[in-house]
Amino acid sequence: ATPSFVAWQVRDQVDARANALVSTLAYARSEALRRGARVTVCRTDASRHCLAAGQPCGNGVADWSCGWAVLAERGGTSTLLRAHASVAA
């Protein structure tokens, strides 16, 4: 029973993370429409700075498990709207 429980738990964590990212994308879209401004979703490091494509975060991985943020841009200034923390390994 233990192996199937572990597999279920991993699937549940992946599903929860995917749902959080989809929710973030929907939020970013609605904020872009509401504000009439560019809104960006990016992967972030521990300091909530956007990472370039392929750039690893503090734990050495280069995927979205590092965490992500939603930023609104207006007049050349970015404002943090929402951040999603990284997943503990």
PDB file of N, CA and C in Angstrom:
ATOM      1  N   ALA A   1       0.816  -1.195   0.000  1.00  0.00           N
ATOM      2  CA  ALA A   1       0.000   0.000   0.000  1.00  0.00           C
ATOM      3  C   ALA A   1       0.860   1.258   0.000  1.00  0.00           C
ATOM      4  N   THR A   2       2.055   1.192   0.558  1.00  0.00           N
ATOM      5  CA  THR A   2       2.906   2.375   0.650  1.00  0.00           C
ATOM      6  C   THR A   2       3.318   2.930  -0.711  1.00  0.00           C
ATOM      7  N   PRO A   3       3.781   2.098  -1.669  1.00  0.00           N
ATOM      8  CA  PRO A   3       4.167   2.666  -2.964  1.00  0.00           C
ATOM      9  C   PRO A   3       3.019   3.394  -3.660  1.00  0.00           C
ATOM     10  N   SER A   4       1.808   2.856  -3.586  1.00  0.00           N
ATOM     11  CA  SER A   4       0.691   3.536  -4.233  1.00  0.00           C
ATOM     12  C   SER A   4       0.328   4.827  -3.508  1.00  0.00           C
ATOM     13  N   PHE A   5       0.504   4.858  -2.195  1.00  0.00           N
ATOM     14  CA  PHE A   5       0.251   6.089  -1.442  1.00  0.00           C
ATOM     15  C   PHE A   5       1.260   7.166  -1.825  1.00  0.00           C
ATOM     16  N   VAL A   6       2.514   6.792  -1.954  1.00  0.00           N
ATOM     17  CA  VAL A   6       3.558   7.748  -2.332  1.00  0.00           C
ATOM     18  C   VAL A   6       3.286   8.280  -3.734  1.00  0.00           C
ATOM     19  N   ALA A   7       2.916   7.416  -4.664  1.00  0.00           N
ATOM     20  CA  ALA A   7       2.602   7.847  -6.028  1.00  0.00           C
ATOM     21  C   ALA A   7       1.399   8.785  -6.023  1.00  0.00           C
ATOM     22  N   TRP A   8       0.406   8.485  -5.220  1.00  0.00           N
ATOM     23  CA  TRP A   8      -0.770   9.349  -5.117  1.00  0.00           C
ATOM     24  C   TRP A   8      -0.369  10.717  -4.564  1.00  0.00           C
ATOM     25  N   GLN A   9       0.476  10.726  -3.545  1.00  0.00           N
ATOM     26  CA  GLN A   9       0.913  11.976  -2.934  1.00  0.00           C
ATOM     27  C   GLN A   9       1.700  12.835  -3.930  1.00  0.00           C
ATOM     28  N   VAL A  10       2.570  12.227  -4.725  1.00  0.00           N
ATOM     29  CA  VAL A  10       3.337  12.957  -5.729  1.00  0.00           C
ATOM     30  C   VAL A  10       2.402  13.535  -6.784  1.00  0.00           C
ATOM     31  N   ARG A  11       1.453  12.730  -7.264  1.00  0.00           N
ATOM     32  CA  ARG A  11       0.476  13.221  -8.253  1.00  0.00           C
ATOM     33  C   ARG A  11      -0.327  14.386  -7.693  1.00  0.00           C
ATOM     34  N   ASP A  12      -0.713  14.281  -6.430  1.00  0.00           N
ATOM     35  CA  ASP A  12      -1.483  15.342  -5.785  1.00  0.00           C
ATOM     36  C   ASP A  12      -0.671  16.638  -5.715  1.00  0.00           C
ATOM     37  N   GLN A  13       0.606  16.539  -5.401  1.00  0.00           N
ATOM     38  CA  GLN A  13       1.471  17.717  -5.343  1.00  0.00           C
ATOM     39  C   GLN A  13       1.633  18.343  -6.729  1.00  0.00           C
ATOM     40  N   VAL A  14       1.799  17.532  -7.746  1.00  0.00           N
ATOM     41  CA  VAL A  14       1.933  18.035  -9.118  1.00  0.00           C
ATOM     42  C   VAL A  14       0.640  18.720  -9.546  1.00  0.00           C
ATOM     43  N   ASP A  15      -0.492  18.101  -9.252  1.00  0.00           N
ATOM     44  CA  ASP A  15      -1.788  18.702  -9.592  1.00  0.00           C
ATOM     45  C   ASP A  15      -1.974  20.047  -8.893  1.00  0.00           C
ATOM     46  N   ALA A  16      -1.635  20.119  -7.620  1.00  0.00           N
ATOM     47  CA  ALA A  16      -1.790  21.362  -6.864  1.00  0.00           C
ATOM     48  C   ALA A  16      -0.901  22.459  -7.438  1.00  0.00           C
ATOM     49  N   ARG A  17       0.313  22.119  -7.797  1.00  0.00           N
ATOM     50  CA  ARG A  17       1.249  23.093  -8.368  1.00  0.00           C
ATOM     51  C   ARG A  17       0.757  23.581  -9.739  1.00  0.00           C
ATOM     52  N   ALA A  18       0.269  22.656 -10.548  1.00  0.00           N
ATOM     53  CA  ALA A  18      -0.257  23.032 -11.868  1.00  0.00           C
ATOM     54  C   ALA A  18      -1.470  23.946 -11.720  1.00  0.00           C
ATOM     55  N   ASN A  19      -2.360  23.624 -10.797  1.00  0.00           N
ATOM     56  CA  ASN A  19      -3.536  24.468 -10.560  1.00  0.00           C
ATOM     57  C   ASN A  19      -3.138  25.856 -10.075  1.00  0.00           C
ATOM     58  N   ALA A  20      -2.108  25.938  -9.254  1.00  0.00           N
ATOM     59  CA  ALA A  20      -1.629  27.239  -8.773  1.00  0.00           C
ATOM     60  C   ALA A  20      -1.080  28.072  -9.922  1.00  0.00           C
ATOM     61  N   LEU A  21      -0.353  27.440 -10.841  1.00  0.00           N
ATOM     62  CA  LEU A  21       0.190  28.171 -11.985  1.00  0.00           C
ATOM     63  C   LEU A  21      -0.921  28.628 -12.920  1.00  0.00           C
ATOM     64  N   VAL A  22      -1.901  27.787 -13.178  1.00  0.00           N
ATOM     65  CA  VAL A  22      -3.041  28.172 -14.020  1.00  0.00           C
ATOM     66  C   VAL A  22      -3.799  29.334 -13.376  1.00  0.00           C
ATOM     67  N   SER A  23      -3.989  29.269 -12.079  1.00  0.00           N
ATOM     68  CA  SER A  23      -4.659  30.350 -11.355  1.00  0.00           C
ATOM     69  C   SER A  23      -3.867  31.651 -11.471  1.00  0.00           C
ATOM     70  N   THR A  24      -2.552  31.557 -11.378  1.00  0.00           N
ATOM     71  CA  THR A  24      -1.692  32.736 -11.510  1.00  0.00           C
ATOM     72  C   THR A  24      -1.805  33.339 -12.899  1.00  0.00           C
ATOM     73  N   LEU A  25      -1.839  32.508 -13.920  1.00  0.00           N
ATOM     74  CA  LEU A  25      -1.963  33.013 -15.292  1.00  0.00           C
ATOM     75  C   LEU A  25      -3.308  33.714 -15.497  1.00  0.00           C
ATOM     76  N   ALA A  26      -4.367  33.153 -14.932  1.00  0.00           N
ATOM     77  CA  ALA A  26      -5.682  33.786 -15.036  1.00  0.00           C
ATOM     78  C   ALA A  26      -5.685  35.128 -14.297  1.00  0.00           C
ATOM     79  N   TYR A  27      -5.059  35.173 -13.144  1.00  0.00           N
ATOM     80  CA  TYR A  27      -4.952  36.414 -12.378  1.00  0.00           C
ATOM     81  C   TYR A  27      -4.180  37.466 -13.174  1.00  0.00           C
ATOM     82  N   ALA A  28      -3.058  37.068 -13.763  1.00  0.00           N
ATOM     83  CA  ALA A  28      -2.239  37.999 -14.548  1.00  0.00           C
ATOM     84  C   ALA A  28      -3.035  38.568 -15.718  1.00  0.00           C
ATOM     85  N   ARG A  29      -3.793  37.734 -16.380  1.00  0.00           N
ATOM     86  CA  ARG A  29      -4.608  38.196 -17.509  1.00  0.00           C
ATOM     87  C   ARG A  29      -5.658  39.200 -17.037  1.00  0.00           C
ATOM     88  N   SER A  30      -6.326  38.881 -15.950  1.00  0.00           N
ATOM     89  CA  SER A  30      -7.366  39.785 -15.471  1.00  0.00           C
ATOM     90  C   SER A  30      -6.767  41.115 -15.007  1.00  0.00           C
ATOM     91  N   GLU A  31      -5.602  41.086 -14.402  1.00  0.00           N
ATOM     92  CA  GLU A  31      -4.943  42.328 -13.975  1.00  0.00           C
ATOM     93  C   GLU A  31      -4.495  43.155 -15.175  1.00  0.00           C
ATOM     94  N   ALA A  32      -4.024  42.508 -16.225  1.00  0.00           N
ATOM     95  CA  ALA A  32      -3.616  43.234 -17.433  1.00  0.00           C
ATOM     96  C   ALA A  32      -4.814  43.954 -18.044  1.00  0.00           C
ATOM     97  N   LEU A  33      -5.944  43.281 -18.093  1.00  0.00           N
ATOM     98  CA  LEU A  33      -7.157  43.901 -18.625  1.00  0.00           C
ATOM     99  C   LEU A  33      -7.649  45.025 -17.722  1.00  0.00           C
ATOM    100  N   ARG A  34      -7.649  44.787 -16.436  1.00  0.00           N
ATOM    101  CA  ARG A  34      -8.145  45.782 -15.481  1.00  0.00           C
ATOM    102  C   ARG A  34      -7.272  47.029 -15.451  1.00  0.00           C
ATOM    103  N   ARG A  35      -5.958  46.835 -15.481  1.00  0.00           N
ATOM    104  CA  ARG A  35      -5.020  47.951 -15.382  1.00  0.00           C
ATOM    105  C   ARG A  35      -4.716  48.601 -16.728  1.00  0.00           C
ATOM    106  N   GLY A  36      -4.963  47.859 -17.810  1.00  0.00           N
ATOM    107  CA  GLY A  36      -4.586  48.361 -19.121  1.00  0.00           C
ATOM    108  C   GLY A  36      -3.081  48.506 -19.243  1.00  0.00           C
ATOM    109  N   ALA A  37      -2.366  47.598 -18.622  1.00  0.00           N
ATOM    110  CA  ALA A  37      -0.908  47.655 -18.585  1.00  0.00           C
ATOM    111  C   ALA A  37      -0.332  46.275 -18.868  1.00  0.00           C
ATOM    112  N   ARG A  38       0.943  46.248 -19.163  1.00  0.00           N
ATOM    113  CA  ARG A  38       1.632  44.971 -19.376  1.00  0.00           C
ATOM    114  C   ARG A  38       1.796  44.280 -18.025  1.00  0.00           C
ATOM    115  N   VAL A  39       1.425  43.030 -17.977  1.00  0.00           N
ATOM    116  CA  VAL A  39       1.597  42.215 -16.781  1.00  0.00           C
ATOM    117  C   VAL A  39       2.414  40.993 -17.171  1.00  0.00           C
ATOM    118  N   THR A  40       3.439  40.719 -16.383  1.00  0.00           N
ATOM    119  CA  THR A  40       4.372  39.644 -16.676  1.00  0.00           C
ATOM    120  C   THR A  40       4.330  38.588 -15.580  1.00  0.00           C
ATOM    121  N   VAL A  41       4.416  37.322 -15.983  1.00  0.00           N
ATOM    122  CA  VAL A  41       4.592  36.215 -15.051  1.00  0.00           C
ATOM    123  C   VAL A  41       5.982  35.660 -15.326  1.00  0.00           C
ATOM    124  N   CYS A  42       6.806  35.594 -14.302  1.00  0.00           N
ATOM    125  CA  CYS A  42       8.166  35.087 -14.496  1.00  0.00           C
ATOM    126  C   CYS A  42       8.567  34.168 -13.348  1.00  0.00           C
ATOM    127  N   ARG A  43       9.522  33.292 -13.648  1.00  0.00           N
ATOM    128  CA  ARG A  43      10.125  32.465 -12.594  1.00  0.00           C
ATOM    129  C   ARG A  43      10.982  33.380 -11.742  1.00  0.00           C
ATOM    130  N   THR A  44      11.054  33.098 -10.449  1.00  0.00           N
ATOM    131  CA  THR A  44      11.822  33.966  -9.563  1.00  0.00           C
ATOM    132  C   THR A  44      12.822  33.194  -8.722  1.00  0.00           C
ATOM    133  N   ASP A  45      13.817  33.935  -8.226  1.00  0.00           N
ATOM    134  CA  ASP A  45      14.748  33.371  -7.261  1.00  0.00           C
ATOM    135  C   ASP A  45      14.220  33.673  -5.853  1.00  0.00           C
ATOM    136  N   ALA A  46      15.003  33.359  -4.846  1.00  0.00           N
ATOM    137  CA  ALA A  46      14.561  33.557  -3.461  1.00  0.00           C
ATOM    138  C   ALA A  46      14.295  35.023  -3.141  1.00  0.00           C
ATOM    139  N   SER A  47      14.945  35.931  -3.868  1.00  0.00           N
ATOM    140  CA  SER A  47      14.758  37.366  -3.649  1.00  0.00           C
ATOM    141  C   SER A  47      13.627  37.938  -4.489  1.00  0.00           C
ATOM    142  N   ARG A  48      12.901  37.070  -5.169  1.00  0.00           N
ATOM    143  CA  ARG A  48      11.780  37.447  -6.034  1.00  0.00           C
ATOM    144  C   ARG A  48      12.209  38.296  -7.227  1.00  0.00           C
ATOM    145  N   HIS A  49      13.407  38.020  -7.734  1.00  0.00           N
ATOM    146  CA  HIS A  49      13.867  38.645  -8.968  1.00  0.00           C
ATOM    147  C   HIS A  49      13.596  37.670 -10.109  1.00  0.00           C
ATOM    148  N   CYS A  50      13.152  38.204 -11.238  1.00  0.00           N
ATOM    149  CA  CYS A  50      12.872  37.348 -12.393  1.00  0.00           C
ATOM    150  C   CYS A  50      14.144  36.681 -12.896  1.00  0.00           C
ATOM    151  N   LEU A  51      14.007  35.428 -13.292  1.00  0.00           N
ATOM    152  CA  LEU A  51      15.124  34.662 -13.837  1.00  0.00           C
ATOM    153  C   LEU A  51      14.987  34.557 -15.351  1.00  0.00           C
ATOM    154  N   ALA A  52      16.111  34.610 -16.038  1.00  0.00           N
ATOM    155  CA  ALA A  52      16.115  34.429 -17.489  1.00  0.00           C
ATOM    156  C   ALA A  52      15.832  32.972 -17.818  1.00  0.00           C
ATOM    157  N   ALA A  53      15.378  32.717 -19.025  1.00  0.00           N
ATOM    158  CA  ALA A  53      15.100  31.346 -19.464  1.00  0.00           C
ATOM    159  C   ALA A  53      16.357  30.501 -19.299  1.00  0.00           C
ATOM    160  N   GLY A  54      16.207  29.353 -18.665  1.00  0.00           N
ATOM    161  CA  GLY A  54      17.312  28.432 -18.467  1.00  0.00           C
ATOM    162  C   GLY A  54      18.207  28.762 -17.286  1.00  0.00           C
ATOM    163  N   GLN A  55      18.045  29.928 -16.683  1.00  0.00           N
ATOM    164  CA  GLN A  55      18.870  30.311 -15.540  1.00  0.00           C
ATOM    165  C   GLN A  55      18.375  29.575 -14.297  1.00  0.00           C
ATOM    166  N   PRO A  56      19.273  28.870 -13.608  1.00  0.00           N
ATOM    167  CA  PRO A  56      18.838  28.139 -12.421  1.00  0.00           C
ATOM    168  C   PRO A  56      18.596  29.073 -11.236  1.00  0.00           C
ATOM    169  N   CYS A  57      17.717  28.634 -10.357  1.00  0.00           N
ATOM    170  CA  CYS A  57      17.501  29.386  -9.122  1.00  0.00           C
ATOM    171  C   CYS A  57      18.449  28.837  -8.056  1.00  0.00           C
ATOM    172  N   GLY A  58      18.265  29.243  -6.830  1.00  0.00           N
ATOM    173  CA  GLY A  58      19.177  28.894  -5.751  1.00  0.00           C
ATOM    174  C   GLY A  58      19.399  27.412  -5.534  1.00  0.00           C
ATOM    175  N   ASN A  59      18.396  26.590  -5.817  1.00  0.00           N
ATOM    176  CA  ASN A  59      18.555  25.154  -5.597  1.00  0.00           C
ATOM    177  C   ASN A  59      19.117  24.440  -6.816  1.00  0.00           C
ATOM    178  N   GLY A  60      19.509  25.207  -7.853  1.00  0.00           N
ATOM    179  CA  GLY A  60      20.173  24.630  -9.018  1.00  0.00           C
ATOM    180  C   GLY A  60      19.259  24.155 -10.123  1.00  0.00           C
ATOM    181  N   VAL A  61      17.951  24.214  -9.941  1.00  0.00           N
ATOM    182  CA  VAL A  61      17.037  23.778 -10.994  1.00  0.00           C
ATOM    183  C   VAL A  61      16.604  24.972 -11.833  1.00  0.00           C
ATOM    184  N   ALA A  62      16.243  24.690 -13.068  1.00  0.00           N
ATOM    185  CA  ALA A  62      15.841  25.766 -13.984  1.00  0.00           C
ATOM    186  C   ALA A  62      14.399  25.574 -14.435  1.00  0.00           C
ATOM    187  N   ASP A  63      13.544  25.135 -13.520  1.00  0.00           N
ATOM    188  CA  ASP A  63      12.131  24.981 -13.866  1.00  0.00           C
ATOM    189  C   ASP A  63      11.283  25.883 -12.973  1.00  0.00           C
ATOM    190  N   TRP A  64       9.995  25.744 -13.065  1.00  0.00           N
ATOM    191  CA  TRP A  64       9.085  26.643 -12.344  1.00  0.00           C
ATOM    192  C   TRP A  64       8.923  26.293 -10.870  1.00  0.00           C
ATOM    193  N   SER A  65       9.613  25.245 -10.395  1.00  0.00           N
ATOM    194  CA  SER A  65       9.525  24.909  -8.974  1.00  0.00           C
ATOM    195  C   SER A  65      10.260  25.937  -8.115  1.00  0.00           C
ATOM    196  N   CYS A  66      11.022  26.822  -8.738  1.00  0.00           N
ATOM    197  CA  CYS A  66      11.707  27.899  -8.006  1.00  0.00           C
ATOM    198  C   CYS A  66      10.702  28.874  -7.403  1.00  0.00           C
ATOM    199  N   GLY A  67       9.559  28.983  -8.024  1.00  0.00           N
ATOM    200  CA  GLY A  67       8.557  29.961  -7.629  1.00  0.00           C
ATOM    201  C   GLY A  67       8.351  30.931  -8.777  1.00  0.00           C
ATOM    202  N   TRP A  68       7.314  31.761  -8.670  1.00  0.00           N
ATOM    203  CA  TRP A  68       7.043  32.716  -9.725  1.00  0.00           C
ATOM    204  C   TRP A  68       6.383  33.956  -9.145  1.00  0.00           C
ATOM    205  N   ALA A  69       6.364  35.000  -9.971  1.00  0.00           N
ATOM    206  CA  ALA A  69       5.776  36.268  -9.545  1.00  0.00           C
ATOM    207  C   ALA A  69       4.994  36.876 -10.689  1.00  0.00           C
ATOM    208  N   VAL A  70       4.034  37.724 -10.322  1.00  0.00           N
ATOM    209  CA  VAL A  70       3.251  38.495 -11.284  1.00  0.00           C
ATOM    210  C   VAL A  70       3.637  39.953 -11.070  1.00  0.00           C
ATOM    211  N   LEU A  71       4.079  40.604 -12.152  1.00  0.00           N
ATOM    212  CA  LEU A  71       4.519  41.994 -12.087  1.00  0.00           C
ATOM    213  C   LEU A  71       3.738  42.832 -13.074  1.00  0.00           C
ATOM    214  N   ALA A  72       3.324  44.019 -12.642  1.00  0.00           N
ATOM    215  CA  ALA A  72       2.658  44.977 -13.538  1.00  0.00           C
ATOM    216  C   ALA A  72       3.683  46.033 -13.907  1.00  0.00           C
ATOM    217  N   GLU A  73       3.710  46.387 -15.200  1.00  0.00           N
ATOM    218  CA  GLU A  73       4.653  47.401 -15.682  1.00  0.00           C
ATOM    219  C   GLU A  73       3.883  48.629 -16.128  1.00  0.00           C
ATOM    220  N   ARG A  74       4.325  49.759 -15.651  1.00  0.00           N
ATOM    221  CA  ARG A  74       3.722  51.023 -16.062  1.00  0.00           C
ATOM    222  C   ARG A  74       4.782  52.109 -15.924  1.00  0.00           C
ATOM    223  N   GLY A  75       4.957  52.857 -16.990  1.00  0.00           N
ATOM    224  CA  GLY A  75       5.925  53.948 -16.970  1.00  0.00           C
ATOM    225  C   GLY A  75       7.347  53.497 -16.712  1.00  0.00           C
ATOM    226  N   GLY A  76       7.690  52.292 -17.163  1.00  0.00           N
ATOM    227  CA  GLY A  76       9.042  51.782 -16.973  1.00  0.00           C
ATOM    228  C   GLY A  76       9.324  51.216 -15.591  1.00  0.00           C
ATOM    229  N   THR A  77       8.320  51.173 -14.743  1.00  0.00           N
ATOM    230  CA  THR A  77       8.484  50.656 -13.388  1.00  0.00           C
ATOM    231  C   THR A  77       7.651  49.390 -13.215  1.00  0.00           C
ATOM    232  N   SER A  78       8.259  48.372 -12.626  1.00  0.00           N
ATOM    233  CA  SER A  78       7.550  47.118 -12.348  1.00  0.00           C
ATOM    234  C   SER A  78       7.106  47.093 -10.889  1.00  0.00           C
ATOM    235  N   THR A  79       5.880  46.636 -10.691  1.00  0.00           N
ATOM    236  CA  THR A  79       5.325  46.509  -9.349  1.00  0.00           C
ATOM    237  C   THR A  79       4.936  45.057  -9.125  1.00  0.00           C
ATOM    238  N   LEU A  80       5.388  44.482  -8.024  1.00  0.00           N
ATOM    239  CA  LEU A  80       5.035  43.103  -7.681  1.00  0.00           C
ATOM    240  C   LEU A  80       3.575  43.054  -7.259  1.00  0.00           C
ATOM    241  N   LEU A  81       2.792  42.210  -7.939  1.00  0.00           N
ATOM    242  CA  LEU A  81       1.383  42.047  -7.600  1.00  0.00           C
ATOM    243  C   LEU A  81       1.136  40.805  -6.759  1.00  0.00           C
ATOM    244  N   ARG A  82       1.845  39.743  -7.082  1.00  0.00           N
ATOM    245  CA  ARG A  82       1.648  38.461  -6.382  1.00  0.00           C
ATOM    246  C   ARG A  82       2.888  37.612  -6.581  1.00  0.00           C
ATOM    247  N   ALA A  83       3.241  36.851  -5.554  1.00  0.00           N
ATOM    248  CA  ALA A  83       4.370  35.929  -5.659  1.00  0.00           C
ATOM    249  C   ALA A  83       3.949  34.570  -5.133  1.00  0.00           C
ATOM    250  N   HIS A  84       4.511  33.540  -5.729  1.00  0.00           N
ATOM    251  CA  HIS A  84       4.245  32.169  -5.305  1.00  0.00           C
ATOM    252  C   HIS A  84       5.579  31.555  -4.915  1.00  0.00           C
ATOM    253  N   ALA A  85       5.702  31.145  -3.681  1.00  0.00           N
ATOM    254  CA  ALA A  85       6.972  30.647  -3.165  1.00  0.00           C
ATOM    255  C   ALA A  85       7.379  29.328  -3.783  1.00  0.00           C
ATOM    256  N   SER A  86       8.656  29.032  -3.672  1.00  0.00           N
ATOM    257  CA  SER A  86       9.183  27.782  -4.197  1.00  0.00           C
ATOM    258  C   SER A  86       8.699  26.605  -3.369  1.00  0.00           C
ATOM    259  N   VAL A  87       8.845  25.434  -3.951  1.00  0.00           N
ATOM    260  CA  VAL A  87       8.459  24.196  -3.282  1.00  0.00           C
ATOM    261  C   VAL A  87       9.675  23.631  -2.576  1.00  0.00           C
ATOM    262  N   ALA A  88       9.523  23.268  -1.326  1.00  0.00           N
ATOM    263  CA  ALA A  88      10.623  22.635  -0.615  1.00  0.00           C
ATOM    264  C   ALA A  88      10.876  21.260  -1.183  1.00  0.00           C
ATOM    265  N   ALA A  89      12.130  20.925  -1.336  1.00  0.00           N
ATOM    266  CA  ALA A  89      12.495  19.625  -1.931  1.00  0.00           C
ATOM    267  C   ALA A  89      12.311  18.500  -0.957  1.00  0.00           C
TER     268      ALA A  89
END
